[in-house]
N, C-alpha and C. Protein backbone atom coordinates (compact mmCIF):
# COMPACT_ATOMS: atom_id res chain seq x y z
N HIS A 1 88.47 83.68 95.52
CA HIS A 1 87.33 83.32 94.83
C HIS A 1 86.61 84.70 94.75
N HIS A 2 86.43 85.50 95.97
CA HIS A 2 86.14 86.68 95.81
C HIS A 2 86.56 87.72 94.65
N ASP A 3 87.59 87.70 94.07
CA ASP A 3 88.51 88.34 93.32
C ASP A 3 88.26 87.72 92.14
N SER A 4 88.13 86.43 91.84
CA SER A 4 87.88 85.98 90.50
C SER A 4 86.37 86.26 90.11
N LYS A 5 85.27 86.42 91.15
CA LYS A 5 83.89 86.65 90.69
C LYS A 5 84.14 88.50 90.08
N ILE A 6 84.67 88.94 90.74
CA ILE A 6 84.86 90.10 90.58
C ILE A 6 85.40 90.64 89.01
N LYS A 7 86.24 89.80 88.85
CA LYS A 7 87.16 90.19 87.79
C LYS A 7 86.35 89.74 86.63
N ARG A 8 85.60 88.44 86.81
CA ARG A 8 84.75 87.98 85.63
C ARG A 8 83.75 89.31 85.24
N SER A 9 83.47 90.04 86.21
CA SER A 9 82.47 91.32 85.80
C SER A 9 83.28 92.40 85.49
N ASN A 10 84.33 92.46 85.64
CA ASN A 10 85.25 93.62 85.86
C ASN A 10 86.70 93.38 85.21
N PRO A 11 86.81 93.23 83.98
CA PRO A 11 88.36 92.57 83.47
C PRO A 11 89.38 93.61 83.88
N LEU A 12 89.04 94.90 84.51
CA LEU A 12 89.76 95.82 84.55
C LEU A 12 90.87 95.61 86.08
N TYR A 13 89.66 94.70 87.00
CA TYR A 13 90.08 94.16 88.69
C TYR A 13 91.53 93.72 88.24
N PRO A 14 92.01 93.96 89.44
CA PRO A 14 93.84 93.70 89.58
C PRO A 14 93.89 92.15 89.47
N ALA A 15 95.43 91.61 89.48
CA ALA A 15 95.56 90.43 89.03
C ALA A 15 94.80 89.55 90.29
N LEU A 16 94.65 87.99 89.65
CA LEU A 16 94.08 87.42 90.93
C LEU A 16 95.52 86.99 91.50
N LEU A 17 95.24 86.30 92.64
CA LEU A 17 96.67 85.67 93.47
C LEU A 17 97.16 84.32 92.66
N ASP A 18 98.78 84.70 92.86
CA ASP A 18 99.31 83.67 92.13
C ASP A 18 99.13 82.23 92.83
N ASP A 19 99.99 81.19 92.38
CA ASP A 19 99.81 79.78 93.31
C ASP A 19 100.56 79.99 94.00
N GLU A 20 101.43 80.62 94.73
CA GLU A 20 102.13 80.69 96.05
C GLU A 20 101.15 81.60 97.10
N ASN A 21 101.06 82.59 96.88
CA ASN A 21 100.06 83.14 97.19
C ASN A 21 98.42 82.49 97.83
N ARG A 22 97.84 81.96 96.77
CA ARG A 22 96.67 81.30 97.22
C ARG A 22 96.86 80.20 97.99
N ARG A 23 98.31 79.30 98.10
CA ARG A 23 98.47 78.17 98.96
C ARG A 23 98.85 78.94 100.37
N ALA A 24 99.29 79.87 100.70
CA ALA A 24 99.65 80.72 101.65
C ALA A 24 98.16 81.42 102.39
N ASN A 25 96.94 81.35 101.30
CA ASN A 25 95.57 81.59 101.68
C ASN A 25 94.80 80.68 101.30
N PRO A 26 94.89 79.50 101.94
CA PRO A 26 94.00 78.54 101.65
C PRO A 26 92.50 78.84 101.43
N THR A 27 91.89 77.88 100.81
CA THR A 27 90.10 77.78 101.32
C THR A 27 89.81 77.82 103.07
N ARG A 28 89.12 79.03 103.45
CA ARG A 28 88.51 78.50 104.56
C ARG A 28 87.11 78.12 104.90
N ARG A 29 86.88 77.45 105.98
CA ARG A 29 85.54 76.83 105.95
C ARG A 29 84.96 77.42 107.30
N VAL A 30 83.70 78.44 106.86
CA VAL A 30 83.14 79.49 107.99
C VAL A 30 81.74 78.60 107.96
N PRO A 31 81.19 78.72 109.62
CA PRO A 31 79.80 78.23 109.36
C PRO A 31 78.46 79.38 108.63
N VAL A 32 77.47 78.80 108.60
CA VAL A 32 76.59 80.12 107.75
C VAL A 32 76.08 80.72 108.91
N VAL A 33 76.02 79.99 109.79
CA VAL A 33 75.24 80.34 111.07
C VAL A 33 75.96 80.58 112.45
N LEU A 34 76.03 81.34 113.06
CA LEU A 34 76.92 81.33 114.12
C LEU A 34 76.00 81.78 115.54
N ARG A 35 76.25 80.94 116.41
CA ARG A 35 75.61 81.46 118.04
C ARG A 35 76.01 82.37 118.56
N HIS A 36 75.04 83.54 119.01
CA HIS A 36 75.97 84.19 120.11
C HIS A 36 76.51 83.73 121.04
N PRO A 37 77.58 83.81 121.57
CA PRO A 37 78.53 83.45 122.71
C PRO A 37 77.68 83.37 124.60
N ILE A 38 76.78 84.71 124.28
CA ILE A 38 76.45 85.09 125.53
C ILE A 38 74.90 84.94 125.67
N VAL A 39 73.93 85.82 124.73
CA VAL A 39 72.53 85.39 124.66
C VAL A 39 72.02 84.01 123.98
N GLY A 40 73.08 83.16 123.16
CA GLY A 40 72.65 82.14 122.39
C GLY A 40 71.98 82.28 121.41
N ARG A 41 71.56 83.64 120.88
CA ARG A 41 70.75 83.87 119.59
C ARG A 41 71.52 83.29 118.41
N GLU A 42 70.88 82.89 117.28
CA GLU A 42 71.88 82.64 115.96
C GLU A 42 71.61 83.66 115.01
N SER A 43 72.69 83.73 114.23
CA SER A 43 72.71 85.05 113.29
C SER A 43 73.37 84.34 111.82
N LEU A 44 72.90 84.59 110.59
CA LEU A 44 73.14 84.40 109.58
C LEU A 44 74.67 84.92 109.39
N TYR A 45 75.62 84.33 109.13
CA TYR A 45 77.20 84.83 108.91
C TYR A 45 78.10 84.97 107.82
N GLY A 46 78.19 83.39 107.06
CA GLY A 46 78.98 82.59 106.45
C GLY A 46 78.54 82.82 105.15
N MET A 47 77.76 83.72 104.54
CA MET A 47 77.37 83.45 103.15
C MET A 47 77.61 84.95 102.57
N ASN A 48 78.86 84.82 101.63
CA ASN A 48 78.88 86.49 101.02
C ASN A 48 79.73 85.98 99.61
N SER A 49 80.30 87.26 98.95
CA SER A 49 80.47 86.78 97.85
C SER A 49 81.92 85.99 97.56
N SER A 50 82.35 85.64 98.61
CA SER A 50 83.57 84.35 98.57
C SER A 50 82.80 83.30 98.45
N THR A 51 81.62 82.94 99.11
CA THR A 51 81.17 81.79 99.07
C THR A 51 80.93 80.96 97.86
N TYR A 52 81.46 79.37 97.93
CA TYR A 52 81.77 78.96 96.37
C TYR A 52 80.84 77.27 97.02
N ALA A 53 80.66 77.03 97.95
CA ALA A 53 79.81 75.99 98.32
C ALA A 53 78.96 75.90 99.83
N VAL A 54 77.89 75.02 99.86
CA VAL A 54 78.02 74.96 101.40
C VAL A 54 77.51 73.54 101.52
N LEU A 55 78.63 73.09 102.53
CA LEU A 55 78.52 71.94 102.85
C LEU A 55 77.88 71.04 104.29
N PRO A 56 77.64 70.15 104.26
CA PRO A 56 76.64 69.92 105.49
C PRO A 56 78.03 70.16 106.67
N THR A 57 77.46 70.25 107.84
CA THR A 57 78.21 70.30 109.41
C THR A 57 79.21 68.83 108.98
N GLY A 58 80.26 68.89 109.19
CA GLY A 58 81.04 67.58 109.43
C GLY A 58 81.86 67.08 108.17
N VAL A 59 81.17 68.00 106.99
CA VAL A 59 81.98 67.44 105.43
C VAL A 59 83.01 68.42 105.61
N SER A 60 84.25 67.96 105.07
CA SER A 60 85.07 69.29 104.91
C SER A 60 85.06 69.51 103.26
N SER A 61 85.94 70.56 102.62
CA SER A 61 85.87 70.64 101.45
C SER A 61 86.76 69.64 100.37
N SER A 62 87.58 68.98 101.33
CA SER A 62 88.38 68.01 100.44
C SER A 62 87.60 66.69 100.49
N ASP A 63 86.75 66.85 101.51
CA ASP A 63 85.48 65.46 101.14
C ASP A 63 84.60 65.60 100.42
N GLY A 64 84.16 66.92 100.15
CA GLY A 64 83.26 67.22 99.06
C GLY A 64 84.07 67.56 97.58
N PHE A 65 85.05 67.96 97.80
CA PHE A 65 85.83 68.22 96.08
C PHE A 65 86.67 68.13 96.17
N ASP A 66 87.62 67.79 95.04
CA ASP A 66 88.65 67.66 94.61
C ASP A 66 89.56 68.84 94.70
N GLN A 67 90.55 68.58 94.63
CA GLN A 67 91.58 70.10 94.16
C GLN A 67 90.92 70.63 92.58
N ALA A 68 90.84 70.02 92.04
CA ALA A 68 90.49 70.64 90.55
C ALA A 68 89.21 71.37 90.63
N ALA A 69 88.24 70.59 91.23
CA ALA A 69 86.85 71.53 91.48
C ALA A 69 87.30 72.83 92.63
N ILE A 70 88.07 72.68 93.29
CA ILE A 70 88.41 73.88 93.99
C ILE A 70 89.06 74.95 93.17
N ASP A 71 89.77 74.76 92.60
CA ASP A 71 90.75 74.96 91.49
C ASP A 71 90.05 76.21 90.87
N CYS A 72 88.59 75.34 90.14
CA CYS A 72 87.77 75.89 89.34
C CYS A 72 86.91 76.82 90.38
N PHE A 73 86.69 76.62 91.44
CA PHE A 73 85.68 77.49 92.18
C PHE A 73 86.83 78.82 92.23
N GLU A 74 87.99 78.77 92.83
CA GLU A 74 88.58 79.85 93.37
C GLU A 74 88.98 80.66 91.66
N LEU A 75 89.42 79.98 90.92
CA LEU A 75 90.37 80.76 89.56
C LEU A 75 88.96 81.38 88.58
N LYS A 76 88.00 80.43 88.75
CA LYS A 76 86.88 81.08 87.53
C LYS A 76 85.88 81.62 88.34
N GLY A 77 85.69 81.88 89.30
CA GLY A 77 84.92 82.11 90.34
C GLY A 77 83.79 81.78 90.39
N MET A 78 83.58 80.63 89.93
CA MET A 78 82.13 79.58 89.93
C MET A 78 81.84 79.31 91.22
N GLU A 79 80.36 79.07 91.27
CA GLU A 79 79.94 78.76 92.19
C GLU A 79 79.10 77.40 92.71
N HIS A 80 79.04 76.24 93.42
CA HIS A 80 78.47 75.40 93.33
C HIS A 80 77.00 75.52 93.59
N ASP A 81 75.90 74.49 92.99
CA ASP A 81 74.49 74.40 92.91
C ASP A 81 74.02 74.80 94.57
N SER A 82 74.83 74.36 95.32
CA SER A 82 74.80 74.73 96.96
C SER A 82 74.46 75.70 97.37
N VAL A 83 75.05 76.60 96.82
CA VAL A 83 75.04 78.14 97.25
C VAL A 83 73.82 78.86 96.94
N SER A 84 73.13 78.65 95.33
CA SER A 84 72.12 79.43 95.66
C SER A 84 71.14 78.51 95.83
N ARG A 85 70.95 77.22 96.13
CA ARG A 85 69.88 76.51 96.46
C ARG A 85 69.87 76.67 98.06
N VAL A 86 70.91 76.88 98.51
CA VAL A 86 70.67 77.29 100.02
C VAL A 86 70.37 78.57 100.37
N TRP A 87 70.79 79.79 99.40
CA TRP A 87 70.46 80.73 99.27
C TRP A 87 68.81 81.23 99.12
N ARG A 88 68.61 80.65 98.07
CA ARG A 88 67.04 80.80 97.54
C ARG A 88 66.10 79.56 98.20
N GLU A 89 66.01 78.62 98.84
CA GLU A 89 65.29 78.08 99.18
C GLU A 89 65.24 78.08 100.95
N LYS A 90 66.33 78.33 101.49
CA LYS A 90 66.25 78.31 103.08
C LYS A 90 66.68 79.67 103.62
N LEU A 91 67.63 80.40 103.36
CA LEU A 91 67.95 81.76 103.82
C LEU A 91 67.47 82.97 103.31
N LEU A 92 67.17 82.88 101.99
CA LEU A 92 66.14 84.25 101.55
C LEU A 92 64.89 84.04 102.26
N PRO A 93 64.17 83.23 101.86
CA PRO A 93 62.86 83.18 102.81
C PRO A 93 62.83 83.61 104.19
N PHE A 94 63.73 83.00 104.82
CA PHE A 94 63.84 83.09 106.01
C PHE A 94 64.39 84.74 106.56
N ALA A 95 65.41 85.16 106.23
CA ALA A 95 65.83 86.55 106.26
C ALA A 95 64.53 87.48 105.59
N THR A 96 63.89 87.30 104.38
CA THR A 96 62.77 88.09 104.34
C THR A 96 61.51 88.24 104.92
N ALA A 97 61.31 86.93 106.19
CA ALA A 97 60.08 87.06 106.37
C ALA A 97 59.73 88.20 107.42
N ARG A 98 58.43 88.12 107.11
CA ARG A 98 57.39 89.77 107.77
C ARG A 98 58.15 89.99 108.95
N GLU A 99 58.71 89.26 110.20
CA GLU A 99 59.18 89.53 111.38
C GLU A 99 60.45 90.33 111.30
N PHE A 100 60.77 89.98 109.94
CA PHE A 100 62.20 90.68 110.18
C PHE A 100 62.27 91.87 109.13
N THR A 101 61.30 92.25 108.36
CA THR A 101 61.24 93.18 107.21
C THR A 101 60.34 94.47 107.78
N THR A 102 60.65 95.38 107.43
CA THR A 102 59.63 96.58 107.67
C THR A 102 59.72 97.41 106.29
N ALA A 103 58.37 98.34 106.36
CA ALA A 103 58.29 98.96 105.11
C ALA A 103 57.98 100.56 106.04
N VAL A 104 58.54 101.56 105.34
CA VAL A 104 58.60 102.84 106.01
C VAL A 104 58.36 103.92 104.66
N GLN A 105 57.69 104.41 105.06
CA GLN A 105 56.88 105.76 104.15
C GLN A 105 57.81 106.76 104.58
N TRP A 106 58.55 106.93 103.74
CA TRP A 106 59.69 108.17 104.00
C TRP A 106 59.59 109.46 103.61
N GLN A 107 59.90 110.32 104.69
CA GLN A 107 59.57 111.75 104.42
C GLN A 107 61.03 112.56 104.51
N PRO A 108 61.24 113.89 103.95
CA PRO A 108 62.37 114.44 103.81
C PRO A 108 62.91 114.59 105.13
N GLY A 109 64.30 114.20 105.46
CA GLY A 109 65.02 114.37 106.45
C GLY A 109 64.77 112.95 107.47
N ASP A 110 63.96 111.88 107.21
CA ASP A 110 63.79 110.72 107.78
C ASP A 110 65.42 109.80 107.82
N VAL A 111 65.46 109.02 108.97
CA VAL A 111 66.70 108.48 109.26
C VAL A 111 66.21 107.09 109.70
N ALA A 112 66.55 105.77 109.09
CA ALA A 112 65.73 104.57 109.96
C ALA A 112 66.79 103.81 110.05
N LEU A 113 67.02 103.61 111.62
CA LEU A 113 67.85 102.14 111.86
C LEU A 113 67.16 101.08 112.19
N TRP A 114 67.96 99.99 111.91
CA TRP A 114 67.35 98.61 112.11
C TRP A 114 68.35 97.50 112.96
N ASP A 115 67.78 97.18 113.83
CA ASP A 115 68.88 96.32 114.55
C ASP A 115 68.06 94.78 114.74
């Protein structure tokens, strides 16, 4: 999916995976939020350029989409509306909230680290 999204904007990008390699590297389901195993804090994880859909916990890709839809996502680099909806309505407002952002008055030689 990542490759097909890049290839849409850059036709010179190398060829997409053939069917054999797609079968050997099937779509993976990863959580959007992970909980740290020691301190228990949650962090955003699974939204990246390869994300083609956001499904509720307990719903598998095969429950949510037939193979034709998955092929469309992977081969054409398309995204389901759930990606932009979850990002725009939930994750972006949360990740850019005041407690997670800062403003810096830059001076020559400044370095800023954010953890």
